[in-house]
Amino acid sequence: MTREEVFSKVAGVIANHFEIDPEKVTDQMSIKDDLNADSISVMEFVLELEDEFGTEISDEDAEQIETVGGAVDYVYNRLNK
């Protein structure tokens, strides 16, 4: 799976979870600041990513993901190990 394909799926999860237009999702978008996500919302988003990609994201790793691009890179790297 290419990084662009991962980004597209992550953007879809974000659009669905945070109820925004997937076309407005960018790599630089801050999950907490731009999407107004609280800690519960972030954890729900991480669970949705795990379901979407069939991978596990540790709590420690989830805390390090601050941007959409960070989430995309994390998932992309996990899928391509």
C-alpha atoms as a PDB file:
ATOM      1  CA  MET A   1       0.000   0.000   0.000  1.00  0.00           C
ATOM      2  CA  THR A   2       1.414   3.408  -0.950  1.00  0.00           C
ATOM      3  CA  ARG A   3       1.609   6.363   1.415  1.00  0.00           C
ATOM      4  CA  GLU A   4      -1.025   8.115  -0.723  1.00  0.00           C
ATOM      5  CA  GLU A   5      -3.409   5.158  -0.272  1.00  0.00           C
ATOM      6  CA  VAL A   6      -2.804   5.199   3.489  1.00  0.00           C
ATOM      7  CA  PHE A   7      -3.408   8.976   3.549  1.00  0.00           C
ATOM      8  CA  SER A   8      -6.677   8.543   1.660  1.00  0.00           C
ATOM      9  CA  LYS A   9      -7.929   5.937   4.139  1.00  0.00           C
ATOM     10  CA  VAL A  10      -6.783   7.967   7.156  1.00  0.00           C
ATOM     11  CA  ALA A  11      -8.500  11.061   5.703  1.00  0.00           C
ATOM     12  CA  GLY A  12     -11.682   9.000   5.357  1.00  0.00           C
ATOM     13  CA  VAL A  13     -11.497   7.876   8.984  1.00  0.00           C
ATOM     14  CA  ILE A  14     -10.888  11.477  10.092  1.00  0.00           C
ATOM     15  CA  ALA A  15     -13.728  12.799   7.948  1.00  0.00           C
ATOM     16  CA  ASN A  16     -16.116  10.235   9.394  1.00  0.00           C
ATOM     17  CA  HIS A  17     -14.951  10.528  13.003  1.00  0.00           C
ATOM     18  CA  PHE A  18     -14.623  14.316  13.193  1.00  0.00           C
ATOM     19  CA  GLU A  19     -17.397  15.064  10.676  1.00  0.00           C
ATOM     20  CA  ILE A  20     -15.360  17.175   8.268  1.00  0.00           C
ATOM     21  CA  ASP A  21     -14.892  17.163   4.495  1.00  0.00           C
ATOM     22  CA  PRO A  22     -12.153  14.641   3.582  1.00  0.00           C
ATOM     23  CA  GLU A  23     -10.893  17.120   0.967  1.00  0.00           C
ATOM     24  CA  LYS A  24      -9.923  19.510   3.797  1.00  0.00           C
ATOM     25  CA  VAL A  25      -7.667  16.981   5.537  1.00  0.00           C
ATOM     26  CA  THR A  26      -3.942  17.773   5.161  1.00  0.00           C
ATOM     27  CA  ASP A  27      -0.699  16.208   6.411  1.00  0.00           C
ATOM     28  CA  GLN A  28       0.011  19.249   8.574  1.00  0.00           C
ATOM     29  CA  MET A  29      -3.388  19.220  10.306  1.00  0.00           C
ATOM     30  CA  SER A  30      -3.032  18.934  14.092  1.00  0.00           C
ATOM     31  CA  ILE A  31      -5.322  16.276  15.509  1.00  0.00           C
ATOM     32  CA  LYS A  32      -5.782  18.080  18.825  1.00  0.00           C
ATOM     33  CA  ASP A  33      -5.747  21.701  17.663  1.00  0.00           C
ATOM     34  CA  ASP A  34      -7.247  21.687  14.155  1.00  0.00           C
ATOM     35  CA  LEU A  35      -9.749  18.910  14.820  1.00  0.00           C
ATOM     36  CA  ASN A  36     -10.478  19.998  18.409  1.00  0.00           C
ATOM     37  CA  ALA A  37      -9.928  16.448  19.622  1.00  0.00           C
ATOM     38  CA  ASP A  38      -9.887  15.725  23.341  1.00  0.00           C
ATOM     39  CA  SER A  39      -8.102  12.683  24.762  1.00  0.00           C
ATOM     40  CA  ILE A  40     -11.175  10.446  24.447  1.00  0.00           C
ATOM     41  CA  SER A  41     -11.741  11.488  20.855  1.00  0.00           C
ATOM     42  CA  VAL A  42      -8.077  10.824  20.028  1.00  0.00           C
ATOM     43  CA  MET A  43      -8.270   7.319  21.510  1.00  0.00           C
ATOM     44  CA  GLU A  44     -11.477   6.576  19.570  1.00  0.00           C
ATOM     45  CA  PHE A  45      -9.718   7.771  16.404  1.00  0.00           C
ATOM     46  CA  VAL A  46      -6.745   5.484  17.147  1.00  0.00           C
ATOM     47  CA  LEU A  47      -9.118   2.533  17.627  1.00  0.00           C
ATOM     48  CA  GLU A  48     -10.739   3.306  14.271  1.00  0.00           C
ATOM     49  CA  LEU A  49      -7.296   3.377  12.624  1.00  0.00           C
ATOM     50  CA  GLU A  50      -6.489  -0.004  14.177  1.00  0.00           C
ATOM     51  CA  ASP A  51      -9.727  -1.445  12.790  1.00  0.00           C
ATOM     52  CA  GLU A  52      -9.247   0.126   9.348  1.00  0.00           C
ATOM     53  CA  PHE A  53      -5.679  -1.117   8.895  1.00  0.00           C
ATOM     54  CA  GLY A  54      -5.685  -4.275  11.020  1.00  0.00           C
ATOM     55  CA  THR A  55      -2.730  -3.073  13.071  1.00  0.00           C
ATOM     56  CA  GLU A  56      -2.182  -2.317  16.733  1.00  0.00           C
ATOM     57  CA  ILE A  57      -1.093   1.095  17.971  1.00  0.00           C
ATOM     58  CA  SER A  58       0.291   1.186  21.511  1.00  0.00           C
ATOM     59  CA  ASP A  59      -0.860   3.896  23.906  1.00  0.00           C
ATOM     60  CA  GLU A  60       2.706   5.240  23.999  1.00  0.00           C
ATOM     61  CA  ASP A  61       2.838   5.478  20.206  1.00  0.00           C
ATOM     62  CA  ALA A  62      -0.644   7.015  20.037  1.00  0.00           C
ATOM     63  CA  GLU A  63       0.462   9.798  22.386  1.00  0.00           C
ATOM     64  CA  GLN A  64       3.288  10.670  19.955  1.00  0.00           C
ATOM     65  CA  ILE A  65       0.963  11.102  16.969  1.00  0.00           C
ATOM     66  CA  GLU A  66       0.149  14.802  16.789  1.00  0.00           C
ATOM     67  CA  THR A  67      -0.658  15.439  13.119  1.00  0.00           C
ATOM     68  CA  VAL A  68      -2.511  13.695  10.320  1.00  0.00           C
ATOM     69  CA  GLY A  69       0.836  13.211   8.577  1.00  0.00           C
ATOM     70  CA  GLY A  70       2.208  11.609  11.737  1.00  0.00           C
ATOM     71  CA  ALA A  71      -0.689   9.150  11.794  1.00  0.00           C
ATOM     72  CA  VAL A  72      -0.240   8.375   8.093  1.00  0.00           C
ATOM     73  CA  ASP A  73       3.524   7.842   8.467  1.00  0.00           C
ATOM     74  CA  TYR A  74       3.025   5.628  11.523  1.00  0.00           C
ATOM     75  CA  VAL A  75       0.477   3.382   9.787  1.00  0.00           C
ATOM     76  CA  TYR A  76       2.446   3.337   6.523  1.00  0.00           C
ATOM     77  CA  ASN A  77       5.625   2.286   8.312  1.00  0.00           C
ATOM     78  CA  ARG A  78       3.802  -0.430  10.290  1.00  0.00           C
ATOM     79  CA  LEU A  79       2.246  -1.858   7.131  1.00  0.00           C
ATOM     80  CA  ASN A  80       5.562  -1.925   5.272  1.00  0.00           C
ATOM     81  CA  LYS A  81       7.748  -3.669   7.848  1.00  0.00           C
END
